[in-house]
Amino acid sequence: MKKLMLIALTLVPLASFAAPPQAFNFSCGKTGGVYSDGKGSVWLNGKKATVKQSSPTYWEAASEKNVISIMREQDGNPSISFTGPNRIHGVCLPEDEVSFAPASQKKAEAKSGPSFSCAAVRKGSMEELICQSETLSALDLKLTETYKQALVKSNNNSTLKAEQRGWIKGRDDCWKADDKNACLSDSYQQRMSELQSKYDVK
């Protein structure tokens, strides 16, 4: 009986030790973006990383020459930092505007549509028009990818983020236009050109 109790006691910490890092979507400066599905898989810049756990609250995800350190804080939130080639290192920050999930993961999460969820868009909003148009949805996805590349090039620049939020507000002013779809299309094309020119991205 005592042997069984000892086995049971040793199994408890082992079970908690095997827990995967929680789901997160963080930007790591020039290193790029890191995404966790909360099920044990982590991607860095869309490439699946090798995850190793060294304690119940600490993991490392390695991809090429980059290493992402993942720590679960006492409040349950992740604390993430990175190290890369030439001794670059820094702290990763939560990213709400761009998803760093790989293409296959994004496809699983949303079979079609723009970069944002169409489930809760306001009726009559410009986002609803985008959701209803395959062309505008494709433009939104393309701009999101361009913006993500610009974020990496700019080292997660806060001014760029503020400019993007301002652009979204300007895009939504297309409700005033006679041809709203054309206005939205022009807005997306212009923003993509600006980002491509300023940050030398595709």
Protein backbone atom coordinates (compact mmCIF):
# COMPACT_ATOMS: atom_id res chain seq x y z
CA MET A 1 0.00 0.00 0.00
CA LYS A 2 2.85 2.37 0.89
CA LYS A 3 4.51 1.67 -2.48
CA LEU A 4 1.30 2.57 -4.31
CA MET A 5 1.05 5.85 -2.39
CA LEU A 6 4.64 6.73 -3.26
CA ILE A 7 4.01 6.03 -6.95
CA ALA A 8 0.89 8.21 -6.87
CA LEU A 9 2.79 11.06 -5.20
CA THR A 10 5.56 10.95 -7.80
CA LEU A 11 3.07 10.94 -10.68
CA VAL A 12 1.44 14.21 -9.61
CA PRO A 13 4.48 16.47 -10.13
CA LEU A 14 5.38 14.64 -13.34
CA ALA A 15 1.91 15.30 -14.75
CA SER A 16 2.10 19.03 -13.97
CA PHE A 17 5.66 19.16 -15.32
CA ALA A 18 4.44 17.94 -18.72
CA ALA A 19 1.96 20.83 -19.16
CA PRO A 20 2.50 22.81 -22.39
CA PRO A 21 3.09 26.58 -22.48
CA GLN A 22 -0.13 28.57 -22.68
CA ALA A 23 -1.44 30.09 -25.91
CA PHE A 24 0.11 33.44 -26.84
CA ASN A 25 0.95 35.75 -29.75
CA PHE A 26 4.01 37.95 -29.10
CA SER A 27 6.27 40.23 -31.12
CA CYS A 28 10.00 39.85 -30.46
CA GLY A 29 11.56 42.84 -32.20
CA LYS A 30 13.94 42.04 -35.05
CA THR A 31 13.71 38.35 -34.22
CA GLY A 32 10.10 38.41 -35.48
CA GLY A 33 6.95 37.00 -33.93
CA VAL A 34 6.28 33.94 -31.81
CA TYR A 35 2.99 32.06 -31.53
CA SER A 36 1.86 29.22 -29.26
CA ASP A 37 -1.32 27.22 -29.79
CA GLY A 38 -1.49 26.28 -26.11
CA LYS A 39 -1.22 22.58 -27.00
CA GLY A 40 2.55 22.26 -26.99
CA SER A 41 3.43 23.66 -30.42
CA VAL A 42 5.29 26.96 -30.84
CA TRP A 43 6.11 28.76 -34.09
CA LEU A 44 8.72 31.47 -34.66
CA ASN A 45 8.14 33.49 -37.81
CA GLY A 46 5.80 30.78 -39.07
CA LYS A 47 8.38 28.00 -38.59
CA LYS A 48 7.72 25.32 -36.01
CA ALA A 49 10.21 25.50 -33.14
CA THR A 50 11.64 22.72 -31.00
CA VAL A 51 10.17 23.06 -27.50
CA LYS A 52 11.98 21.84 -24.38
CA GLN A 53 10.62 22.10 -20.84
CA SER A 54 13.03 22.40 -17.91
CA SER A 55 10.57 23.14 -15.10
CA PRO A 56 6.78 23.21 -14.58
CA THR A 57 6.77 26.92 -15.48
CA TYR A 58 9.66 27.30 -17.95
CA TRP A 59 10.15 26.29 -21.59
CA GLU A 60 12.56 27.12 -24.40
CA ALA A 61 11.55 27.14 -28.06
CA ALA A 62 14.42 27.02 -30.56
CA SER A 63 14.26 27.75 -34.29
CA GLU A 64 17.42 28.11 -36.37
CA LYS A 65 19.70 30.40 -34.29
CA ASN A 66 16.93 31.96 -32.22
CA VAL A 67 15.80 30.83 -28.76
CA ILE A 68 12.56 31.95 -27.13
CA SER A 69 12.40 31.70 -23.33
CA ILE A 70 8.85 31.17 -22.04
CA MET A 71 7.96 31.53 -18.37
CA ARG A 72 4.53 31.20 -16.80
CA GLU A 73 4.18 33.86 -14.11
CA GLN A 74 2.29 33.35 -10.83
CA ASP A 75 -0.75 35.14 -12.28
CA GLY A 76 -0.81 32.62 -15.14
CA ASN A 77 0.34 35.05 -17.85
CA PRO A 78 3.37 34.29 -20.03
CA SER A 79 6.63 36.24 -19.77
CA ILE A 80 8.69 35.85 -22.93
CA SER A 81 12.19 36.92 -23.98
CA PHE A 82 14.48 36.07 -26.87
CA THR A 83 18.13 35.59 -27.78
CA GLY A 84 19.46 35.40 -31.30
CA PRO A 85 22.61 35.61 -33.47
CA ASN A 86 25.33 38.14 -32.57
CA ARG A 87 24.12 38.17 -28.96
CA ILE A 88 20.94 40.08 -29.72
CA HIS A 89 18.38 39.70 -26.97
CA GLY A 90 15.31 41.38 -25.59
CA VAL A 91 11.80 41.09 -24.22
CA CYS A 92 8.85 39.99 -26.36
CA LEU A 93 5.60 41.96 -26.15
CA PRO A 94 1.96 40.87 -26.66
CA GLU A 95 0.74 41.62 -30.18
CA ASP A 96 -3.00 42.10 -30.74
CA GLU A 97 -3.01 43.60 -34.22
CA VAL A 98 -1.13 40.88 -36.12
CA SER A 99 -1.25 37.11 -35.75
CA PHE A 100 2.08 35.28 -35.95
CA ALA A 101 0.36 31.92 -36.34
CA PRO A 102 1.59 29.83 -39.30
CA ALA A 103 -0.55 29.77 -42.43
CA SER A 104 -1.84 26.27 -41.64
CA GLN A 105 -2.93 27.36 -38.15
CA LYS A 106 -4.67 30.47 -39.47
CA LYS A 107 -6.47 28.31 -42.01
CA ALA A 108 -7.65 26.01 -39.25
CA GLU A 109 -8.84 28.94 -37.16
CA ALA A 110 -10.63 30.66 -40.02
CA LYS A 111 -11.28 28.89 -43.33
CA SER A 112 -11.90 32.14 -45.20
CA GLY A 113 -12.26 35.85 -44.65
CA PRO A 114 -10.00 38.71 -43.59
CA SER A 115 -7.37 38.79 -40.84
CA PHE A 116 -9.94 39.69 -38.19
CA SER A 117 -12.93 37.67 -36.98
CA CYS A 118 -16.18 38.35 -38.81
CA ALA A 119 -18.24 36.83 -36.00
CA ALA A 120 -18.64 40.03 -34.00
CA VAL A 121 -18.45 42.83 -36.57
CA ARG A 122 -21.02 45.60 -36.29
CA LYS A 123 -23.84 45.54 -38.82
CA GLY A 124 -23.40 48.23 -41.45
CA SER A 125 -19.72 48.72 -40.56
CA MET A 126 -16.85 48.79 -43.03
CA GLU A 127 -15.61 45.56 -41.48
CA GLU A 128 -18.88 43.89 -42.45
CA LEU A 129 -18.36 45.00 -46.05
CA ILE A 130 -14.84 43.57 -45.98
CA CYS A 131 -16.17 40.27 -44.62
CA GLN A 132 -18.74 40.11 -47.43
CA SER A 133 -16.16 40.69 -50.18
CA GLU A 134 -13.57 38.08 -51.18
CA THR A 135 -11.50 40.79 -52.88
CA LEU A 136 -11.45 43.07 -49.83
CA SER A 137 -10.80 40.12 -47.50
CA ALA A 138 -7.80 39.14 -49.63
CA LEU A 139 -6.52 42.73 -49.53
CA ASP A 140 -6.89 42.76 -45.75
CA LEU A 141 -4.87 39.55 -45.43
CA LYS A 142 -2.19 40.89 -47.77
CA LEU A 143 -1.92 44.18 -45.86
CA THR A 144 -1.72 42.30 -42.56
CA GLU A 145 1.24 40.30 -43.86
CA THR A 146 2.92 43.49 -45.16
CA TYR A 147 2.34 45.21 -41.82
CA LYS A 148 3.76 42.21 -39.95
CA GLN A 149 6.94 42.39 -42.03
CA ALA A 150 7.15 46.14 -41.40
CA LEU A 151 6.87 45.53 -37.65
CA VAL A 152 9.84 43.16 -37.79
CA LYS A 153 11.88 45.59 -39.91
CA SER A 154 11.06 48.49 -37.56
CA ASN A 155 11.90 46.50 -34.40
CA ASN A 156 8.29 46.61 -33.21
CA ASN A 157 8.14 50.40 -33.55
CA SER A 158 5.39 52.00 -31.42
CA THR A 159 4.93 54.86 -33.91
CA LEU A 160 4.20 52.35 -36.67
CA LYS A 161 1.55 50.72 -34.46
CA ALA A 162 -0.06 54.10 -33.77
CA GLU A 163 -0.01 54.92 -37.48
CA GLN A 164 -1.70 51.59 -38.27
CA ARG A 165 -4.46 52.28 -35.74
CA GLY A 166 -4.89 55.71 -37.32
CA TRP A 167 -5.09 54.11 -40.77
CA ILE A 168 -7.85 51.76 -39.58
CA LYS A 169 -9.87 54.75 -38.37
CA GLY A 170 -9.32 56.44 -41.73
CA ARG A 171 -10.32 53.25 -43.58
CA ASP A 172 -13.56 53.14 -41.63
CA ASP A 173 -14.38 56.67 -42.85
CA CYS A 174 -15.18 55.04 -46.20
CA TRP A 175 -18.79 54.82 -44.97
CA LYS A 176 -19.07 58.42 -46.23
CA ALA A 177 -18.12 57.43 -49.80
CA ASP A 178 -20.65 56.79 -52.58
CA ASP A 179 -18.75 53.66 -53.65
CA LYS A 180 -17.67 52.21 -50.32
CA ASN A 181 -16.03 49.10 -51.78
CA ALA A 182 -13.88 51.16 -54.14
CA CYS A 183 -12.93 53.49 -51.28
CA LEU A 184 -11.87 50.53 -49.12
CA SER A 185 -9.88 48.98 -51.94
CA ASP A 186 -8.06 52.26 -52.60
CA SER A 187 -7.35 52.67 -48.89
CA TYR A 188 -5.79 49.21 -48.65
CA GLN A 189 -3.71 49.66 -51.81
CA GLN A 190 -2.40 53.03 -50.65
CA ARG A 191 -1.46 51.74 -47.19
CA MET A 192 0.35 48.74 -48.65
CA SER A 193 2.33 51.00 -50.98
CA GLU A 194 3.28 53.24 -48.06
CA LEU A 195 4.54 50.34 -45.94
CA GLN A 196 6.36 48.68 -48.83
CA SER A 197 8.14 51.91 -49.73
CA LYS A 198 9.01 53.04 -46.19
CA TYR A 199 10.11 49.66 -44.78
CA ASP A 200 11.30 47.93 -47.97
CA VAL A 201 8.92 44.98 -47.59
CA LYS A 202 6.89 43.04 -50.14
